Amino acid sequence: MASDKQHKGHARHNLKFLQSFYPSREFDDWSVTVAFYAAVQIVEYVTFVSEDLRYNGHAVSLKHSGDLRQLAKEKGLVSPGNIAWSNCSHHIIRNLIVQHSFPESHNYYNELYKASIKARYHKFMWLPLEVPLLIDQFLNPIIRWANDEWGLGLRAISEQKTGQRTEKKK
C-alpha cells in the first residue's frame, strides 16, 4: 500500500505528464484518463492523511480507500444499494469515500470518473471545448481544494505549454 508521500508524488507525476501533452490537444482521450488518475492520487493522499473520514454517518479510520471494504464488513456497514462489498470496485469504494467524507469535491471527482470511462472505452475523439472544460471545471477545482485544504502545492493544468523556450524574433 502506498504512503501519503507516494500518493502525493504520483499525483505530481500524473499532473506533470498531463501538462506535457495536454496543450497539443492531440491526445484528448489520454488527457481525460490521466486527469482522472491524477484525481485518484489526490483523493488517496487526502484519505491517507485525513483524520475525519466518514461513511454513511459513521467515522471510519482508513489509510487507503480499499480498506473501506474490510472495515465495513467488520462494522456491519451497509454497502451501496445492498450490493455485496466484494462486488464493489476500488473506484466505487473511492467514490463513496469522496461522497461521504469530501462532499465539496464529490461532483468534480465523479464527473472525471465518468469522463474517464467514456475516454477509455467509448470515445477517443472529443469536441474542441469538451476536454478544456473537463480540466477547468473538474480537475483544477480538485487541485485547488487539495492545495487549500490539505497543502499539497500542486500546479493547476493549463492549455499553455510550460517550460518551453520561445525564440526571439529578429
C-alpha atoms as a PDB file:
ATOM      1  CA  MET A   1       0.000   0.000   0.000  1.00  0.00           C
ATOM      2  CA  ALA A   2       1.331   3.435  -0.927  1.00  0.00           C
ATOM      3  CA  SER A   3       2.207   6.075   1.665  1.00  0.00           C
ATOM      4  CA  ASP A   4       0.960   9.649   1.702  1.00  0.00           C
ATOM      5  CA  LYS A   5       4.268  10.788   0.180  1.00  0.00           C
ATOM      6  CA  GLN A   6       3.938   8.232  -2.612  1.00  0.00           C
ATOM      7  CA  HIS A   7       0.380   9.345  -3.410  1.00  0.00           C
ATOM      8  CA  LYS A   8       1.483  12.985  -3.427  1.00  0.00           C
ATOM      9  CA  GLY A   9       4.443  12.155  -5.669  1.00  0.00           C
ATOM     10  CA  HIS A  10       2.257  10.123  -8.004  1.00  0.00           C
ATOM     11  CA  ALA A  11      -0.274  12.968  -8.239  1.00  0.00           C
ATOM     12  CA  ARG A  12       2.553  15.375  -9.168  1.00  0.00           C
ATOM     13  CA  HIS A  13       3.897  12.859 -11.673  1.00  0.00           C
ATOM     14  CA  ASN A  14       0.483  12.403 -13.326  1.00  0.00           C
ATOM     15  CA  LEU A  15      -0.096  16.168 -13.486  1.00  0.00           C
ATOM     16  CA  LYS A  16       3.350  16.766 -14.968  1.00  0.00           C
ATOM     17  CA  PHE A  17       2.702  14.056 -17.557  1.00  0.00           C
ATOM     18  CA  LEU A  18      -0.697  15.559 -18.384  1.00  0.00           C
ATOM     19  CA  GLN A  19       0.786  19.034 -18.763  1.00  0.00           C
ATOM     20  CA  SER A  20       3.429  17.638 -21.132  1.00  0.00           C
ATOM     21  CA  PHE A  21       0.921  16.740 -23.856  1.00  0.00           C
ATOM     22  CA  TYR A  22      -2.442  18.311 -22.972  1.00  0.00           C
ATOM     23  CA  PRO A  23      -1.718  21.686 -24.651  1.00  0.00           C
ATOM     24  CA  SER A  24      -1.227  19.963 -28.025  1.00  0.00           C
ATOM     25  CA  ARG A  25      -4.823  18.623 -27.819  1.00  0.00           C
ATOM     26  CA  GLU A  26      -3.650  15.676 -29.909  1.00  0.00           C
ATOM     27  CA  PHE A  27      -4.460  13.036 -27.275  1.00  0.00           C
ATOM     28  CA  ASP A  28      -7.647  14.243 -25.620  1.00  0.00           C
ATOM     29  CA  ASP A  29      -8.702  10.748 -24.591  1.00  0.00           C
ATOM     30  CA  TRP A  30      -5.443  10.374 -22.682  1.00  0.00           C
ATOM     31  CA  SER A  31      -5.820  13.854 -21.200  1.00  0.00           C
ATOM     32  CA  VAL A  32      -9.146  12.818 -19.702  1.00  0.00           C
ATOM     33  CA  THR A  33      -7.784   9.495 -18.458  1.00  0.00           C
ATOM     34  CA  VAL A  34      -4.662  10.988 -16.883  1.00  0.00           C
ATOM     35  CA  ALA A  35      -6.716  13.810 -15.337  1.00  0.00           C
ATOM     36  CA  PHE A  36      -8.877  11.221 -13.588  1.00  0.00           C
ATOM     37  CA  TYR A  37      -5.894   9.219 -12.348  1.00  0.00           C
ATOM     38  CA  ALA A  38      -4.285  12.395 -11.015  1.00  0.00           C
ATOM     39  CA  ALA A  39      -7.528  12.971  -9.087  1.00  0.00           C
ATOM     40  CA  VAL A  40      -7.365   9.371  -7.811  1.00  0.00           C
ATOM     41  CA  GLN A  41      -3.913  10.004  -6.355  1.00  0.00           C
ATOM     42  CA  ILE A  42      -5.058  13.280  -4.786  1.00  0.00           C
ATOM     43  CA  VAL A  43      -8.025  11.522  -3.159  1.00  0.00           C
ATOM     44  CA  GLU A  44      -5.809   8.681  -1.947  1.00  0.00           C
ATOM     45  CA  TYR A  45      -3.400  11.213  -0.417  1.00  0.00           C
ATOM     46  CA  VAL A  46      -6.227  13.021   1.356  1.00  0.00           C
ATOM     47  CA  THR A  47      -7.720   9.709   2.523  1.00  0.00           C
ATOM     48  CA  PHE A  48      -4.333   8.745   3.972  1.00  0.00           C
ATOM     49  CA  VAL A  49      -3.819  11.971   5.928  1.00  0.00           C
ATOM     50  CA  SER A  50      -7.420  12.751   6.925  1.00  0.00           C
ATOM     51  CA  GLU A  51      -8.471  12.130  10.498  1.00  0.00           C
ATOM     52  CA  ASP A  52     -12.166  12.730   9.811  1.00  0.00           C
ATOM     53  CA  LEU A  53     -13.318  10.138   7.289  1.00  0.00           C
ATOM     54  CA  ARG A  54     -16.959   9.123   7.186  1.00  0.00           C
ATOM     55  CA  TYR A  55     -19.159   6.563   5.533  1.00  0.00           C
ATOM     56  CA  ASN A  56     -22.947   6.636   5.966  1.00  0.00           C
ATOM     57  CA  GLY A  57     -22.607   8.789   9.072  1.00  0.00           C
ATOM     58  CA  HIS A  58     -20.028   6.506  10.705  1.00  0.00           C
ATOM     59  CA  ALA A  59     -16.484   7.611  11.476  1.00  0.00           C
ATOM     60  CA  VAL A  60     -14.015   5.341   9.696  1.00  0.00           C
ATOM     61  CA  SER A  61     -10.264   5.120  10.084  1.00  0.00           C
ATOM     62  CA  LEU A  62      -8.536   4.346   6.788  1.00  0.00           C
ATOM     63  CA  LYS A  63      -5.173   4.857   5.139  1.00  0.00           C
ATOM     64  CA  HIS A  64      -6.313   3.662   1.715  1.00  0.00           C
ATOM     65  CA  SER A  65      -9.732   3.693   0.083  1.00  0.00           C
ATOM     66  CA  GLY A  66      -9.570  -0.072  -0.456  1.00  0.00           C
ATOM     67  CA  ASP A  67      -9.556  -0.543   3.345  1.00  0.00           C
ATOM     68  CA  LEU A  68     -13.224   0.503   3.484  1.00  0.00           C
ATOM     69  CA  ARG A  69     -14.378  -2.876   2.167  1.00  0.00           C
ATOM     70  CA  GLN A  70     -12.875  -4.838   5.100  1.00  0.00           C
ATOM     71  CA  LEU A  71     -13.750  -2.204   7.693  1.00  0.00           C
ATOM     72  CA  ALA A  72     -17.365  -2.119   6.501  1.00  0.00           C
ATOM     73  CA  LYS A  73     -17.620  -5.887   6.806  1.00  0.00           C
ATOM     74  CA  GLU A  74     -16.162  -5.766  10.335  1.00  0.00           C
ATOM     75  CA  LYS A  75     -18.501  -2.977  11.447  1.00  0.00           C
ATOM     76  CA  GLY A  76     -21.531  -4.312   9.591  1.00  0.00           C
ATOM     77  CA  LEU A  77     -21.887  -1.184   7.451  1.00  0.00           C
ATOM     78  CA  VAL A  78     -24.389  -1.429   4.618  1.00  0.00           C
ATOM     79  CA  SER A  79     -22.925  -1.329   1.126  1.00  0.00           C
ATOM     80  CA  PRO A  80     -24.325   0.983  -1.565  1.00  0.00           C
ATOM     81  CA  GLY A  81     -27.557  -0.404  -2.936  1.00  0.00           C
ATOM     82  CA  ASN A  82     -27.038  -3.508  -0.778  1.00  0.00           C
ATOM     83  CA  ILE A  83     -24.527  -4.796  -3.337  1.00  0.00           C
ATOM     84  CA  ALA A  84     -22.080  -7.252  -1.784  1.00  0.00           C
ATOM     85  CA  TRP A  85     -18.938  -5.382  -0.712  1.00  0.00           C
ATOM     86  CA  SER A  86     -16.912  -7.942  -2.634  1.00  0.00           C
ATOM     87  CA  ASN A  87     -18.615  -6.735  -5.839  1.00  0.00           C
ATOM     88  CA  CYS A  88     -17.703  -3.073  -5.262  1.00  0.00           C
ATOM     89  CA  SER A  89     -14.691  -1.999  -7.332  1.00  0.00           C
ATOM     90  CA  HIS A  90     -11.951   0.187  -5.890  1.00  0.00           C
ATOM     91  CA  HIS A  91     -13.368   3.024  -7.984  1.00  0.00           C
ATOM     92  CA  ILE A  92     -16.830   2.625  -6.435  1.00  0.00           C
ATOM     93  CA  ILE A  93     -15.377   2.463  -2.928  1.00  0.00           C
ATOM     94  CA  ARG A  94     -13.163   5.516  -3.516  1.00  0.00           C
ATOM     95  CA  ASN A  95     -16.166   7.384  -4.905  1.00  0.00           C
ATOM     96  CA  LEU A  96     -18.108   6.542  -1.708  1.00  0.00           C
ATOM     97  CA  ILE A  97     -15.296   7.929   0.434  1.00  0.00           C
ATOM     98  CA  VAL A  98     -15.261  11.153  -1.573  1.00  0.00           C
ATOM     99  CA  GLN A  99     -19.060  11.389  -1.454  1.00  0.00           C
ATOM    100  CA  HIS A 100     -19.288  10.885   2.316  1.00  0.00           C
ATOM    101  CA  SER A 101     -16.032  12.451   3.545  1.00  0.00           C
ATOM    102  CA  PHE A 102     -15.304  15.178   0.994  1.00  0.00           C
ATOM    103  CA  PRO A 103     -18.686  16.199  -0.419  1.00  0.00           C
ATOM    104  CA  GLU A 104     -17.298  19.543  -1.634  1.00  0.00           C
ATOM    105  CA  SER A 105     -15.218  17.613  -4.192  1.00  0.00           C
ATOM    106  CA  HIS A 106     -17.562  14.747  -4.972  1.00  0.00           C
ATOM    107  CA  ASN A 107     -19.186  16.208  -8.085  1.00  0.00           C
ATOM    108  CA  TYR A 108     -15.789  17.105  -9.588  1.00  0.00           C
ATOM    109  CA  TYR A 109     -14.368  13.662  -8.872  1.00  0.00           C
ATOM    110  CA  ASN A 110     -17.452  11.813 -10.110  1.00  0.00           C
ATOM    111  CA  GLU A 111     -17.540  13.785 -13.387  1.00  0.00           C
ATOM    112  CA  LEU A 112     -13.869  12.966 -14.025  1.00  0.00           C
ATOM    113  CA  TYR A 113     -14.589   9.304 -13.277  1.00  0.00           C
ATOM    114  CA  LYS A 114     -17.491   9.182 -15.755  1.00  0.00           C
ATOM    115  CA  ALA A 115     -15.471  11.017 -18.410  1.00  0.00           C
ATOM    116  CA  SER A 116     -12.543   8.636 -17.951  1.00  0.00           C
ATOM    117  CA  ILE A 117     -14.807   5.638 -18.542  1.00  0.00           C
ATOM    118  CA  LYS A 118     -16.032   7.298 -21.713  1.00  0.00           C
ATOM    119  CA  ALA A 119     -12.449   8.074 -22.799  1.00  0.00           C
ATOM    120  CA  ARG A 120     -11.125   4.598 -22.026  1.00  0.00           C
ATOM    121  CA  TYR A 121     -13.927   2.529 -23.520  1.00  0.00           C
ATOM    122  CA  HIS A 122     -16.134   4.558 -25.825  1.00  0.00           C
ATOM    123  CA  LYS A 123     -14.660   7.722 -27.238  1.00  0.00           C
ATOM    124  CA  PHE A 124     -11.236   8.872 -28.281  1.00  0.00           C
ATOM    125  CA  MET A 125     -12.276  11.928 -30.319  1.00  0.00           C
ATOM    126  CA  TRP A 126     -13.602  14.859 -28.313  1.00  0.00           C
ATOM    127  CA  LEU A 127     -15.179  18.147 -29.353  1.00  0.00           C
ATOM    128  CA  PRO A 128     -12.774  21.117 -29.158  1.00  0.00           C
ATOM    129  CA  LEU A 129     -14.165  22.529 -25.896  1.00  0.00           C
ATOM    130  CA  GLU A 130     -15.003  19.291 -24.058  1.00  0.00           C
ATOM    131  CA  VAL A 131     -11.594  18.476 -22.613  1.00  0.00           C
ATOM    132  CA  PRO A 132     -10.647  22.041 -21.620  1.00  0.00           C
ATOM    133  CA  LEU A 133     -13.998  22.261 -19.815  1.00  0.00           C
ATOM    134  CA  LEU A 134     -13.344  18.966 -18.011  1.00  0.00           C
ATOM    135  CA  ILE A 135      -9.900  20.143 -16.933  1.00  0.00           C
ATOM    136  CA  ASP A 136     -11.069  23.629 -15.891  1.00  0.00           C
ATOM    137  CA  GLN A 137     -14.363  22.654 -14.267  1.00  0.00           C
ATOM    138  CA  PHE A 138     -13.463  19.321 -12.635  1.00  0.00           C
ATOM    139  CA  LEU A 139      -9.710  18.631 -12.313  1.00  0.00           C
ATOM    140  CA  ASN A 140      -8.484  22.117 -11.446  1.00  0.00           C
ATOM    141  CA  PRO A 141     -11.088  22.537  -8.665  1.00  0.00           C
ATOM    142  CA  ILE A 142      -9.858  19.272  -7.106  1.00  0.00           C
ATOM    143  CA  ILE A 143      -6.303  20.581  -7.315  1.00  0.00           C
ATOM    144  CA  ARG A 144      -7.344  23.889  -5.694  1.00  0.00           C
ATOM    145  CA  TRP A 145      -9.246  22.010  -2.961  1.00  0.00           C
ATOM    146  CA  ALA A 146      -6.228  19.785  -2.274  1.00  0.00           C
ATOM    147  CA  ASN A 147      -3.960  22.818  -2.125  1.00  0.00           C
ATOM    148  CA  ASP A 148      -6.273  24.944   0.033  1.00  0.00           C
ATOM    149  CA  GLU A 149      -7.447  22.240   2.450  1.00  0.00           C
ATOM    150  CA  TRP A 150      -4.501  19.862   2.508  1.00  0.00           C
ATOM    151  CA  GLY A 151      -1.478  21.967   1.472  1.00  0.00           C
ATOM    152  CA  LEU A 152      -0.465  19.783  -1.464  1.00  0.00           C
ATOM    153  CA  GLY A 153       1.080  22.599  -3.517  1.00  0.00           C
ATOM    154  CA  LEU A 154       0.074  21.120  -6.863  1.00  0.00           C
ATOM    155  CA  ARG A 155       0.021  23.132 -10.084  1.00  0.00           C
ATOM    156  CA  ALA A 156      -3.266  23.538 -11.926  1.00  0.00           C
ATOM    157  CA  ILE A 157      -3.321  22.350 -15.520  1.00  0.00           C
ATOM    158  CA  SER A 158      -3.179  24.967 -18.244  1.00  0.00           C
ATOM    159  CA  GLU A 159      -3.612  24.897 -22.011  1.00  0.00           C
ATOM    160  CA  GLN A 160      -0.327  26.788 -22.174  1.00  0.00           C
ATOM    161  CA  LYS A 161       2.818  24.740 -22.598  1.00  0.00           C
ATOM    162  CA  THR A 162       5.138  25.146 -19.645  1.00  0.00           C
ATOM    163  CA  GLY A 163       8.883  25.137 -19.569  1.00  0.00           C
ATOM    164  CA  GLN A 164       9.208  25.814 -23.273  1.00  0.00           C
ATOM    165  CA  ARG A 165      11.702  28.263 -24.669  1.00  0.00           C
ATOM    166  CA  THR A 166      10.497  30.786 -27.136  1.00  0.00           C
ATOM    167  CA  GLU A 167      12.784  32.087 -29.823  1.00  0.00           C
ATOM    168  CA  LYS A 168      13.310  35.806 -30.025  1.00  0.00           C
ATOM    169  CA  LYS A 169      12.233  37.346 -33.287  1.00  0.00           C
ATOM    170  CA  LYS A 170      14.999  39.127 -35.163  1.00  0.00           C
END
